[in-house]
Amino acid sequence: ASDIITIASADTYAAALTTQAKVLPNFNQRREFIEAALL
């Protein structure tokens, strides 16, 4: 998802990255996802 992403407001940041940018921005949540997926 290499396009420019416009963030409408501060509160939409995490959701916008996840749905539009294919990015899981929170380090701990990303780590937990990886651990669960590995198991």
Full PDB file with SEQRES, HELIX, SHEET, SSBOND, CRYST1, ORIGX, SCALE, CONECT and MASTER records, all heavy atoms in Angstrom:
SEQRES   1 A   39  ALA SER ASP ILE ILE THR ILE ALA SER ALA ASP THR TYR          
SEQRES   2 A   39  ALA ALA ALA LEU THR THR GLN ALA LYS VAL LEU PRO ASN          
SEQRES   3 A   39  PHE ASN GLN ARG ARG GLU PHE ILE GLU ALA ALA LEU LEU          
HELIX    1 AA1 ALA A   10  THR A   12  5                                   3    
HELIX    2 AA2 TYR A   13  THR A   19  1                                   7    
HELIX    3 AA3 PHE A   27  LEU A   38  1                                  12    
CRYST1    1.000    1.000    1.000  90.00  90.00  90.00 P 1           1          
ORIGX1      1.000000  0.000000  0.000000        0.00000                         
ORIGX2      0.000000  1.000000  0.000000        0.00000                         
ORIGX3      0.000000  0.000000  1.000000        0.00000                         
SCALE1      1.000000  0.000000  0.000000        0.00000                         
SCALE2      0.000000  1.000000  0.000000        0.00000                         
SCALE3      0.000000  0.000000  1.000000        0.00000                         
ATOM      1  N   ALA A   1       0.854  -1.196   0.000  1.00  0.00           N  
ATOM      2  CA  ALA A   1       0.000   0.000   0.000  1.00  0.00           C  
ATOM      3  C   ALA A   1       0.881   1.233   0.000  1.00  0.00           C  
ATOM      4  O   ALA A   1       0.908   2.007   0.951  1.00  0.00           O  
ATOM      5  CB  ALA A   1      -0.920  -0.004   1.219  1.00  0.00           C  
ATOM      6  N   SER A   2       1.611   1.417  -1.085  1.00  0.00           N  
ATOM      7  CA  SER A   2       2.648   2.455  -1.118  1.00  0.00           C  
ATOM      8  C   SER A   2       2.119   3.857  -1.412  1.00  0.00           C  
ATOM      9  O   SER A   2       2.892   4.802  -1.491  1.00  0.00           O  
ATOM     10  CB  SER A   2       3.707   2.091  -2.160  1.00  0.00           C  
ATOM     11  OG  SER A   2       3.090   1.911  -3.438  1.00  0.00           O  
ATOM     12  N   ASP A   3       0.795   3.999  -1.577  1.00  0.00           N  
ATOM     13  CA  ASP A   3       0.242   5.319  -1.870  1.00  0.00           C  
ATOM     14  C   ASP A   3       0.305   6.222  -0.647  1.00  0.00           C  
ATOM     15  O   ASP A   3       0.471   5.769   0.491  1.00  0.00           O  
ATOM     16  CB  ASP A   3      -1.221   5.182  -2.320  1.00  0.00           C  
ATOM     17  CG  ASP A   3      -1.341   4.440  -3.645  1.00  0.00           C  
ATOM     18  OD1 ASP A   3      -0.341   4.422  -4.380  1.00  0.00           O  
ATOM     19  OD2 ASP A   3      -2.421   3.876  -3.904  1.00  0.00           O  
ATOM     20  N   ILE A   4       0.143   7.517  -0.896  1.00  0.00           N  
ATOM     21  CA  ILE A   4       0.064   8.490   0.193  1.00  0.00           C  
ATOM     22  C   ILE A   4      -1.264   8.298   0.923  1.00  0.00           C  
ATOM     23  O   ILE A   4      -2.323   8.160   0.309  1.00  0.00           O  
ATOM     24  CB  ILE A   4       0.152   9.927  -0.359  1.00  0.00           C  
ATOM     25  CG1 ILE A   4       1.479  10.117  -1.108  1.00  0.00           C  
ATOM     26  CG2 ILE A   4       0.021  10.944   0.772  1.00  0.00           C  
ATOM     27  CD1 ILE A   4       2.700   9.901  -0.256  1.00  0.00           C  
ATOM     28  N   ILE A   5      -1.196   8.266   2.234  1.00  0.00           N  
ATOM     29  CA  ILE A   5      -2.386   8.099   3.063  1.00  0.00           C  
ATOM     30  C   ILE A   5      -2.641   9.409   3.802  1.00  0.00           C  
ATOM     31  O   ILE A   5      -1.745   9.937   4.474  1.00  0.00           O  
ATOM     32  CB  ILE A   5      -2.213   6.962   4.096  1.00  0.00           C  
ATOM     33  CG1 ILE A   5      -1.780   5.669   3.408  1.00  0.00           C  
ATOM     34  CG2 ILE A   5      -3.490   6.769   4.899  1.00  0.00           C  
ATOM     35  CD1 ILE A   5      -2.802   5.091   2.467  1.00  0.00           C  
ATOM     36  N   THR A   6      -3.844   9.940   3.663  1.00  0.00           N  
ATOM     37  CA  THR A   6      -4.217  11.158   4.388  1.00  0.00           C  
ATOM     38  C   THR A   6      -4.942  10.771   5.672  1.00  0.00           C  
ATOM     39  O   THR A   6      -5.923  10.015   5.627  1.00  0.00           O  
ATOM     40  CB  THR A   6      -5.119  12.056   3.538  1.00  0.00           C  
ATOM     41  OG1 THR A   6      -4.409  12.442   2.354  1.00  0.00           O  
ATOM     42  CG2 THR A   6      -5.519  13.307   4.318  1.00  0.00           C  
ATOM     43  N   ILE A   7      -4.452  11.278   6.785  1.00  0.00           N  
ATOM     44  CA  ILE A   7      -5.055  10.996   8.087  1.00  0.00           C  
ATOM     45  C   ILE A   7      -6.039  12.113   8.404  1.00  0.00           C  
ATOM     46  O   ILE A   7      -5.647  13.281   8.565  1.00  0.00           O  
ATOM     47  CB  ILE A   7      -3.979  10.889   9.188  1.00  0.00           C  
ATOM     48  CG1 ILE A   7      -2.913   9.857   8.795  1.00  0.00           C  
ATOM     49  CG2 ILE A   7      -4.619  10.529  10.517  1.00  0.00           C  
ATOM     50  CD1 ILE A   7      -3.426   8.455   8.587  1.00  0.00           C  
ATOM     51  N   ALA A   8      -7.319  11.765   8.474  1.00  0.00           N  
ATOM     52  CA  ALA A   8      -8.361  12.785   8.653  1.00  0.00           C  
ATOM     53  C   ALA A   8      -8.281  13.456  10.015  1.00  0.00           C  
ATOM     54  O   ALA A   8      -8.476  14.666  10.139  1.00  0.00           O  
ATOM     55  CB  ALA A   8      -9.744  12.157   8.455  1.00  0.00           C  
ATOM     56  N   SER A   9      -8.001  12.687  11.041  1.00  0.00           N  
ATOM     57  CA  SER A   9      -7.896  13.242  12.396  1.00  0.00           C  
ATOM     58  C   SER A   9      -7.010  12.345  13.229  1.00  0.00           C  
ATOM     59  O   SER A   9      -6.737  11.192  12.860  1.00  0.00           O  
ATOM     60  CB  SER A   9      -9.282  13.355  13.051  1.00  0.00           C  
ATOM     61  OG  SER A   9      -9.794  12.064  13.338  1.00  0.00           O  
ATOM     62  N   ALA A  10      -6.592  12.868  14.364  1.00  0.00           N  
ATOM     63  CA  ALA A  10      -5.674  12.113  15.227  1.00  0.00           C  
ATOM     64  C   ALA A  10      -6.261  10.776  15.643  1.00  0.00           C  
ATOM     65  O   ALA A  10      -5.561   9.760  15.699  1.00  0.00           O  
ATOM     66  CB  ALA A  10      -5.321  12.944  16.458  1.00  0.00           C  
ATOM     67  N   ASP A  11      -7.568  10.743  15.907  1.00  0.00           N  
ATOM     68  CA  ASP A  11      -8.193   9.517  16.416  1.00  0.00           C  
ATOM     69  C   ASP A  11      -8.381   8.451  15.348  1.00  0.00           C  
ATOM     70  O   ASP A  11      -8.674   7.293  15.681  1.00  0.00           O  
ATOM     71  CB  ASP A  11      -9.545   9.848  17.054  1.00  0.00           C  
ATOM     72  CG  ASP A  11      -9.384  10.550  18.399  1.00  0.00           C  
ATOM     73  OD1 ASP A  11      -8.334  10.351  19.040  1.00  0.00           O  
ATOM     74  OD2 ASP A  11     -10.303  11.298  18.802  1.00  0.00           O  
ATOM     75  N   THR A  12      -8.238   8.801  14.080  1.00  0.00           N  
ATOM     76  CA  THR A  12      -8.419   7.802  13.020  1.00  0.00           C  
ATOM     77  C   THR A  12      -7.087   7.198  12.568  1.00  0.00           C  
ATOM     78  O   THR A  12      -7.061   6.370  11.653  1.00  0.00           O  
ATOM     79  CB  THR A  12      -9.123   8.435  11.799  1.00  0.00           C  
ATOM     80  OG1 THR A  12      -8.269   9.460  11.242  1.00  0.00           O  
ATOM     81  CG2 THR A  12     -10.459   9.038  12.189  1.00  0.00           C  
ATOM     82  N   TYR A  13      -5.995   7.591  13.201  1.00  0.00           N  
ATOM     83  CA  TYR A  13      -4.650   7.195  12.748  1.00  0.00           C  
ATOM     84  C   TYR A  13      -4.473   5.680  12.702  1.00  0.00           C  
ATOM     85  O   TYR A  13      -4.167   5.108  11.638  1.00  0.00           O  
ATOM     86  CB  TYR A  13      -3.604   7.827  13.659  1.00  0.00           C  
ATOM     87  CG  TYR A  13      -2.182   7.395  13.392  1.00  0.00           C  
ATOM     88  CD1 TYR A  13      -1.503   7.829  12.262  1.00  0.00           C  
ATOM     89  CD2 TYR A  13      -1.514   6.546  14.269  1.00  0.00           C  
ATOM     90  CE1 TYR A  13      -0.199   7.450  12.014  1.00  0.00           C  
ATOM     91  CE2 TYR A  13      -0.207   6.158  14.037  1.00  0.00           C  
ATOM     92  CZ  TYR A  13       0.450   6.608  12.907  1.00  0.00           C  
ATOM     93  OH  TYR A  13       1.736   6.215  12.671  1.00  0.00           O  
ATOM     94  N   ALA A  14      -4.651   5.007  13.849  1.00  0.00           N  
ATOM     95  CA  ALA A  14      -4.389   3.569  13.916  1.00  0.00           C  
ATOM     96  C   ALA A  14      -5.293   2.803  12.964  1.00  0.00           C  
ATOM     97  O   ALA A  14      -4.847   1.894  12.252  1.00  0.00           O  
ATOM     98  CB  ALA A  14      -4.564   3.071  15.347  1.00  0.00           C  
ATOM     99  N   ALA A  15      -6.576   3.164  12.916  1.00  0.00           N  
ATOM    100  CA  ALA A  15      -7.509   2.463  12.033  1.00  0.00           C  
ATOM    101  C   ALA A  15      -7.172   2.695  10.573  1.00  0.00           C  
ATOM    102  O   ALA A  15      -7.246   1.774   9.738  1.00  0.00           O  
ATOM    103  CB  ALA A  15      -8.937   2.921  12.329  1.00  0.00           C  
ATOM    104  N   ALA A  16      -6.783   3.937  10.230  1.00  0.00           N  
ATOM    105  CA  ALA A  16      -6.445   4.245   8.839  1.00  0.00           C  
ATOM    106  C   ALA A  16      -5.226   3.456   8.381  1.00  0.00           C  
ATOM    107  O   ALA A  16      -5.184   2.941   7.258  1.00  0.00           O  
ATOM    108  CB  ALA A  16      -6.200   5.745   8.679  1.00  0.00           C  
ATOM    109  N   LEU A  17      -4.216   3.347   9.251  1.00  0.00           N  
ATOM    110  CA  LEU A  17      -3.023   2.580   8.883  1.00  0.00           C  
ATOM    111  C   LEU A  17      -3.364   1.111   8.691  1.00  0.00           C  
ATOM    112  O   LEU A  17      -2.861   0.458   7.770  1.00  0.00           O  
ATOM    113  CB  LEU A  17      -1.947   2.726   9.965  1.00  0.00           C  
ATOM    114  CG  LEU A  17      -1.193   4.065  10.011  1.00  0.00           C  
ATOM    115  CD1 LEU A  17      -0.068   4.000  11.032  1.00  0.00           C  
ATOM    116  CD2 LEU A  17      -0.627   4.441   8.656  1.00  0.00           C  
ATOM    117  N   THR A  18      -4.214   0.579   9.552  1.00  0.00           N  
ATOM    118  CA  THR A  18      -4.544  -0.842   9.467  1.00  0.00           C  
ATOM    119  C   THR A  18      -5.376  -1.154   8.226  1.00  0.00           C  
ATOM    120  O   THR A  18      -5.105  -2.126   7.509  1.00  0.00           O  
ATOM    121  CB  THR A  18      -5.313  -1.284  10.728  1.00  0.00           C  
ATOM    122  OG1 THR A  18      -4.523  -0.995  11.882  1.00  0.00           O  
ATOM    123  CG2 THR A  18      -5.604  -2.771  10.691  1.00  0.00           C  
ATOM    124  N   THR A  19      -6.366  -0.340   7.947  1.00  0.00           N  
ATOM    125  CA  THR A  19      -7.289  -0.641   6.845  1.00  0.00           C  
ATOM    126  C   THR A  19      -6.798  -0.157   5.486  1.00  0.00           C  
ATOM    127  O   THR A  19      -7.027  -0.812   4.473  1.00  0.00           O  
ATOM    128  CB  THR A  19      -8.672  -0.017   7.132  1.00  0.00           C  
ATOM    129  OG1 THR A  19      -8.527   1.403   7.311  1.00  0.00           O  
ATOM    130  CG2 THR A  19      -9.282  -0.625   8.378  1.00  0.00           C  
ATOM    131  N   GLN A  20      -6.138   0.981   5.451  1.00  0.00           N  
ATOM    132  CA  GLN A  20      -5.723   1.554   4.167  1.00  0.00           C  
ATOM    133  C   GLN A  20      -4.247   1.333   3.844  1.00  0.00           C  
ATOM    134  O   GLN A  20      -3.882   1.150   2.680  1.00  0.00           O  
ATOM    135  CB  GLN A  20      -5.979   3.071   4.164  1.00  0.00           C  
ATOM    136  CG  GLN A  20      -7.429   3.465   4.361  1.00  0.00           C  
ATOM    137  CD  GLN A  20      -7.577   4.985   4.433  1.00  0.00           C  
ATOM    138  OE1 GLN A  20      -7.048   5.723   3.597  1.00  0.00           O  
ATOM    139  NE2 GLN A  20      -8.292   5.460   5.440  1.00  0.00           N  
ATOM    140  N   ALA A  21      -3.405   1.349   4.883  1.00  0.00           N  
ATOM    141  CA  ALA A  21      -1.954   1.355   4.645  1.00  0.00           C  
ATOM    142  C   ALA A  21      -1.302  -0.008   4.824  1.00  0.00           C  
ATOM    143  O   ALA A  21      -0.107  -0.151   4.586  1.00  0.00           O  
ATOM    144  CB  ALA A  21      -1.283   2.362   5.582  1.00  0.00           C  
ATOM    145  N   LYS A  22      -2.083  -1.044   5.261  1.00  0.00           N  
ATOM    146  CA  LYS A  22      -1.522  -2.365   5.526  1.00  0.00           C  
ATOM    147  C   LYS A  22      -0.358  -2.279   6.519  1.00  0.00           C  
ATOM    148  O   LYS A  22       0.733  -2.814   6.303  1.00  0.00           O  
ATOM    149  CB  LYS A  22      -1.038  -3.016   4.222  1.00  0.00           C  
ATOM    150  CG  LYS A  22      -2.149  -3.365   3.251  1.00  0.00           C  
ATOM    151  CD  LYS A  22      -3.067  -4.452   3.805  1.00  0.00           C  
ATOM    152  CE  LYS A  22      -4.131  -4.856   2.796  1.00  0.00           C  
ATOM    153  NZ  LYS A  22      -5.060  -5.865   3.355  1.00  0.00           N  
ATOM    154  N   VAL A  23      -0.633  -1.566   7.616  1.00  0.00           N  
ATOM    155  CA  VAL A  23       0.368  -1.386   8.661  1.00  0.00           C  
ATOM    156  C   VAL A  23      -0.289  -1.626  10.018  1.00  0.00           C  
ATOM    157  O   VAL A  23      -1.341  -1.053  10.300  1.00  0.00           O  
ATOM    158  CB  VAL A  23       0.972   0.041   8.641  1.00  0.00           C  
ATOM    159  CG1 VAL A  23       1.874   0.259   9.858  1.00  0.00           C  
ATOM    160  CG2 VAL A  23       1.749   0.270   7.355  1.00  0.00           C  
ATOM    161  N   LEU A  24       0.318  -2.488  10.828  1.00  0.00           N  
ATOM    162  CA  LEU A  24      -0.093  -2.637  12.224  1.00  0.00           C  
ATOM    163  C   LEU A  24       0.842  -1.753  13.043  1.00  0.00           C  
ATOM    164  O   LEU A  24       1.989  -2.130  13.299  1.00  0.00           O  
ATOM    165  CB  LEU A  24       0.030  -4.101  12.681  1.00  0.00           C  
ATOM    166  CG  LEU A  24      -0.931  -5.105  12.044  1.00  0.00           C  
ATOM    167  CD1 LEU A  24      -0.641  -6.515  12.557  1.00  0.00           C  
ATOM    168  CD2 LEU A  24      -2.373  -4.737  12.326  1.00  0.00           C  
ATOM    169  N   PRO A  25       0.404  -0.560  13.435  1.00  0.00           N  
ATOM    170  CA  PRO A  25       1.344   0.432  13.979  1.00  0.00           C  
ATOM    171  C   PRO A  25       1.821   0.166  15.403  1.00  0.00           C  
ATOM    172  O   PRO A  25       2.924   0.573  15.760  1.00  0.00           O  
ATOM    173  CB  PRO A  25       0.542   1.732  13.916  1.00  0.00           C  
ATOM    174  CG  PRO A  25      -0.883   1.303  14.009  1.00  0.00           C  
ATOM    175  CD  PRO A  25      -0.963  -0.013  13.303  1.00  0.00           C  
ATOM    176  N   ASN A  26       1.005  -0.517  16.218  1.00  0.00           N  
ATOM    177  CA  ASN A  26       1.379  -0.719  17.614  1.00  0.00           C  
ATOM    178  C   ASN A  26       2.369  -1.871  17.739  1.00  0.00           C  
ATOM    179  O   ASN A  26       2.081  -3.007  17.332  1.00  0.00           O  
ATOM    180  CB  ASN A  26       0.131  -0.993  18.453  1.00  0.00           C  
ATOM    181  CG  ASN A  26       0.447  -1.100  19.937  1.00  0.00           C  
ATOM    182  OD1 ASN A  26       0.968  -2.100  20.397  1.00  0.00           O  
ATOM    183  ND2 ASN A  26       0.131  -0.048  20.682  1.00  0.00           N  
ATOM    184  N   PHE A  27       3.533  -1.602  18.312  1.00  0.00           N  
ATOM    185  CA  PHE A  27       4.594  -2.611  18.391  1.00  0.00           C  
ATOM    186  C   PHE A  27       4.128  -3.834  19.167  1.00  0.00           C  
ATOM    187  O   PHE A  27       4.304  -4.980  18.713  1.00  0.00           O  
ATOM    188  CB  PHE A  27       5.833  -2.002  19.059  1.00  0.00           C  
ATOM    189  CG  PHE A  27       7.046  -2.903  19.035  1.00  0.00           C  
ATOM    190  CD1 PHE A  27       8.005  -2.760  18.058  1.00  0.00           C  
ATOM    191  CD2 PHE A  27       7.220  -3.895  19.995  1.00  0.00           C  
ATOM    192  CE1 PHE A  27       9.127  -3.591  18.021  1.00  0.00           C  
ATOM    193  CE2 PHE A  27       8.321  -4.728  19.968  1.00  0.00           C  
ATOM    194  CZ  PHE A  27       9.275  -4.578  18.979  1.00  0.00           C  
ATOM    195  N   ASN A  28       3.550  -3.632  20.345  1.00  0.00           N  
ATOM    196  CA  ASN A  28       3.151  -4.765  21.186  1.00  0.00           C  
ATOM    197  C   ASN A  28       2.048  -5.595  20.541  1.00  0.00           C  
ATOM    198  O   ASN A  28       2.063  -6.830  20.612  1.00  0.00           O  
ATOM    199  CB  ASN A  28       2.700  -4.271  22.562  1.00  0.00           C  
ATOM    200  CG  ASN A  28       3.846  -3.740  23.383  1.00  0.00           C  
ATOM    201  OD1 ASN A  28       4.991  -4.150  23.210  1.00  0.00           O  
ATOM    202  ND2 ASN A  28       3.567  -2.795  24.265  1.00  0.00           N  
ATOM    203  N   GLN A  29       1.082  -4.930  19.911  1.00  0.00           N  
ATOM    204  CA  GLN A  29       0.007  -5.668  19.243  1.00  0.00           C  
ATOM    205  C   GLN A  29       0.553  -6.460  18.060  1.00  0.00           C  
ATOM    206  O   GLN A  29       0.116  -7.593  17.798  1.00  0.00           O  
ATOM    207  CB  GLN A  29      -1.080  -4.704  18.796  1.00  0.00           C  
ATOM    208  CG  GLN A  29      -1.877  -4.099  19.953  1.00  0.00           C  
ATOM    209  CD  GLN A  29      -2.900  -3.084  19.489  1.00  0.00           C  
ATOM    210  OE1 GLN A  29      -3.057  -2.837  18.281  1.00  0.00           O  
ATOM    211  NE2 GLN A  29      -3.600  -2.471  20.433  1.00  0.00           N  
ATOM    212  N   ARG A  30       1.499  -5.873  17.349  1.00  0.00           N  
ATOM    213  CA  ARG A  30       2.116  -6.577  16.216  1.00  0.00           C  
ATOM    214  C   ARG A  30       2.898  -7.794  16.714  1.00  0.00           C  
ATOM    215  O   ARG A  30       2.859  -8.872  16.105  1.00  0.00           O  
ATOM    216  CB  ARG A  30       3.039  -5.610  15.459  1.00  0.00           C  
ATOM    217  CG  ARG A  30       3.332  -6.005  14.037  1.00  0.00           C  
ATOM    218  CD  ARG A  30       3.894  -4.857  13.216  1.00  0.00           C  
ATOM    219  NE  ARG A  30       5.181  -4.387  13.670  1.00  0.00           N  
ATOM    220  CZ  ARG A  30       5.379  -3.234  14.312  1.00  0.00           C  
ATOM    221  NH1 ARG A  30       4.357  -2.451  14.586  1.00  0.00           N  
ATOM    222  NH2 ARG A  30       6.593  -2.859  14.689  1.00  0.00           N  
ATOM    223  N   ARG A  31       3.573  -7.633  17.830  1.00  0.00           N  
ATOM    224  CA  ARG A  31       4.335  -8.742  18.416  1.00  0.00           C  
ATOM    225  C   ARG A  31       3.398  -9.863  18.863  1.00  0.00           C  
ATOM    226  O   ARG A  31       3.680 -11.046  18.642  1.00  0.00           O  
ATOM    227  CB  ARG A  31       5.147  -8.219  19.605  1.00  0.00           C  
ATOM    228  CG  ARG A  31       6.154  -9.201  20.188  1.00  0.00           C  
ATOM    229  CD  ARG A  31       6.831  -8.557  21.389  1.00  0.00           C  
ATOM    230  NE  ARG A  31       7.981  -9.294  21.856  1.00  0.00           N  
ATOM    231  CZ  ARG A  31       7.949 -10.320  22.697  1.00  0.00           C  
ATOM    232  NH1 ARG A  31       6.768 -10.754  23.144  1.00  0.00           N  
ATOM    233  NH2 ARG A  31       9.054 -10.930  23.078  1.00  0.00           N  
ATOM    234  N   GLU A  32       2.288  -9.499  19.502  1.00  0.00           N  
ATOM    235  CA  GLU A  32       1.316 -10.494  19.947  1.00  0.00           C  
ATOM    236  C   GLU A  32       0.701 -11.232  18.760  1.00  0.00           C  
ATOM    237  O   GLU A  32       0.472 -12.443  18.815  1.00  0.00           O  
ATOM    238  CB  GLU A  32       0.223  -9.820  20.773  1.00  0.00           C  
ATOM    239  CG  GLU A  32       0.700  -9.326  22.130  1.00  0.00           C  
ATOM    240  CD  GLU A  32      -0.326  -8.441  22.821  1.00  0.00           C  
ATOM    241  OE1 GLU A  32      -1.440  -8.281  22.267  1.00  0.00           O  
ATOM    242  OE2 GLU A  32      -0.015  -7.908  23.904  1.00  0.00           O  
ATOM    243  N   PHE A  33       0.448 -10.493  17.677  1.00  0.00           N  
ATOM    244  CA  PHE A  33      -0.097 -11.122  16.464  1.00  0.00           C  
ATOM    245  C   PHE A  33       0.891 -12.155  15.923  1.00  0.00           C  
ATOM    246  O   PHE A  33       0.509 -13.273  15.556  1.00  0.00           O  
ATOM    247  CB  PHE A  33      -0.386 -10.055  15.409  1.00  0.00           C  
ATOM    248  CG  PHE A  33      -0.853 -10.614  14.093  1.00  0.00           C  
ATOM    249  CD1 PHE A  33      -2.197 -10.836  13.855  1.00  0.00           C  
ATOM    250  CD2 PHE A  33       0.062 -10.931  13.090  1.00  0.00           C  
ATOM    251  CE1 PHE A  33      -2.628 -11.361  12.639  1.00  0.00           C  
ATOM    252  CE2 PHE A  33      -0.353 -11.460  11.880  1.00  0.00           C  
ATOM    253  CZ  PHE A  33      -1.706 -11.677  11.648  1.00  0.00           C  
ATOM    254  N   ILE A  34       2.166 -11.770  15.854  1.00  0.00           N  
ATOM    255  CA  ILE A  34       3.196 -12.675  15.331  1.00  0.00           C  
ATOM    256  C   ILE A  34       3.299 -13.919  16.200  1.00  0.00           C  
ATOM    257  O   ILE A  34       3.346 -15.055  15.700  1.00  0.00           O  
ATOM    258  CB  ILE A  34       4.555 -11.951  15.238  1.00  0.00           C  
ATOM    259  CG1 ILE A  34       4.502 -10.872  14.155  1.00  0.00           C  
ATOM    260  CG2 ILE A  34       5.684 -12.937  14.958  1.00  0.00           C  
ATOM    261  CD1 ILE A  34       5.725  -9.970  14.125  1.00  0.00           C  
ATOM    262  N   GLU A  35       3.339 -13.731  17.512  1.00  0.00           N  
ATOM    263  CA  GLU A  35       3.472 -14.864  18.429  1.00  0.00           C  
ATOM    264  C   GLU A  35       2.299 -15.834  18.272  1.00  0.00           C  
ATOM    265  O   GLU A  35       2.492 -17.055  18.201  1.00  0.00           O  
ATOM    266  CB  GLU A  35       3.555 -14.360  19.871  1.00  0.00           C  
ATOM    267  CG  GLU A  35       3.824 -15.448  20.882  1.00  0.00           C  
ATOM    268  CD  GLU A  35       4.059 -14.907  22.282  1.00  0.00           C  
ATOM    269  OE1 GLU A  35       4.014 -13.676  22.457  1.00  0.00           O  
ATOM    270  OE2 GLU A  35       4.283 -15.719  23.195  1.00  0.00           O  
ATOM    271  N   ALA A  36       1.081 -15.297  18.220  1.00  0.00           N  
ATOM    272  CA  ALA A  36      -0.096 -16.158  18.074  1.00  0.00           C  
ATOM    273  C   ALA A  36      -0.088 -16.878  16.731  1.00  0.00           C  
ATOM    274  O   ALA A  36      -0.429 -18.076  16.645  1.00  0.00           O  
ATOM    275  CB  ALA A  36      -1.363 -15.313  18.213  1.00  0.00           C  
ATOM    276  N   ALA A  37       0.316 -16.171  15.674  1.00  0.00           N  
ATOM    277  CA  ALA A  37       0.347 -16.777  14.347  1.00  0.00           C  
ATOM    278  C   ALA A  37       1.407 -17.879  14.260  1.00  0.00           C  
ATOM    279  O   ALA A  37       1.200 -18.911  13.602  1.00  0.00           O  
ATOM    280  CB  ALA A  37       0.617 -15.703  13.289  1.00  0.00           C  
ATOM    281  N   LEU A  38       2.545 -17.681  14.927  1.00  0.00           N  
ATOM    282  CA  LEU A  38       3.592 -18.703  14.950  1.00  0.00           C  
ATOM    283  C   LEU A  38       3.101 -19.967  15.654  1.00  0.00           C  
ATOM    284  O   LEU A  38       3.318 -21.087  15.184  1.00  0.00           O  
ATOM    285  CB  LEU A  38       4.841 -18.162  15.652  1.00  0.00           C  
ATOM    286  CG  LEU A  38       5.681 -17.135  14.882  1.00  0.00           C  
ATOM    287  CD1 LEU A  38       6.721 -16.503  15.791  1.00  0.00           C  
ATOM    288  CD2 LEU A  38       6.363 -17.783  13.670  1.00  0.00           C  
ATOM    289  N   LEU A  39       2.457 -19.777  16.793  1.00  0.00           N  
ATOM    290  CA  LEU A  39       1.943 -20.928  17.549  1.00  0.00           C  
ATOM    291  C   LEU A  39       0.904 -21.695  16.738  1.00  0.00           C  
ATOM    292  O   LEU A  39       0.872 -22.935  16.748  1.00  0.00           O  
ATOM    293  CB  LEU A  39       1.344 -20.452  18.871  1.00  0.00           C  
ATOM    294  CG  LEU A  39       2.341 -19.910  19.903  1.00  0.00           C  
ATOM    295  CD1 LEU A  39       1.611 -19.273  21.076  1.00  0.00           C  
ATOM    296  CD2 LEU A  39       3.253 -21.032  20.403  1.00  0.00           C  
TER     297      LEU A  39                                                      
MASTER        0    0    0    3    0    0    0    6  296    1    0    3          
END                                                                             
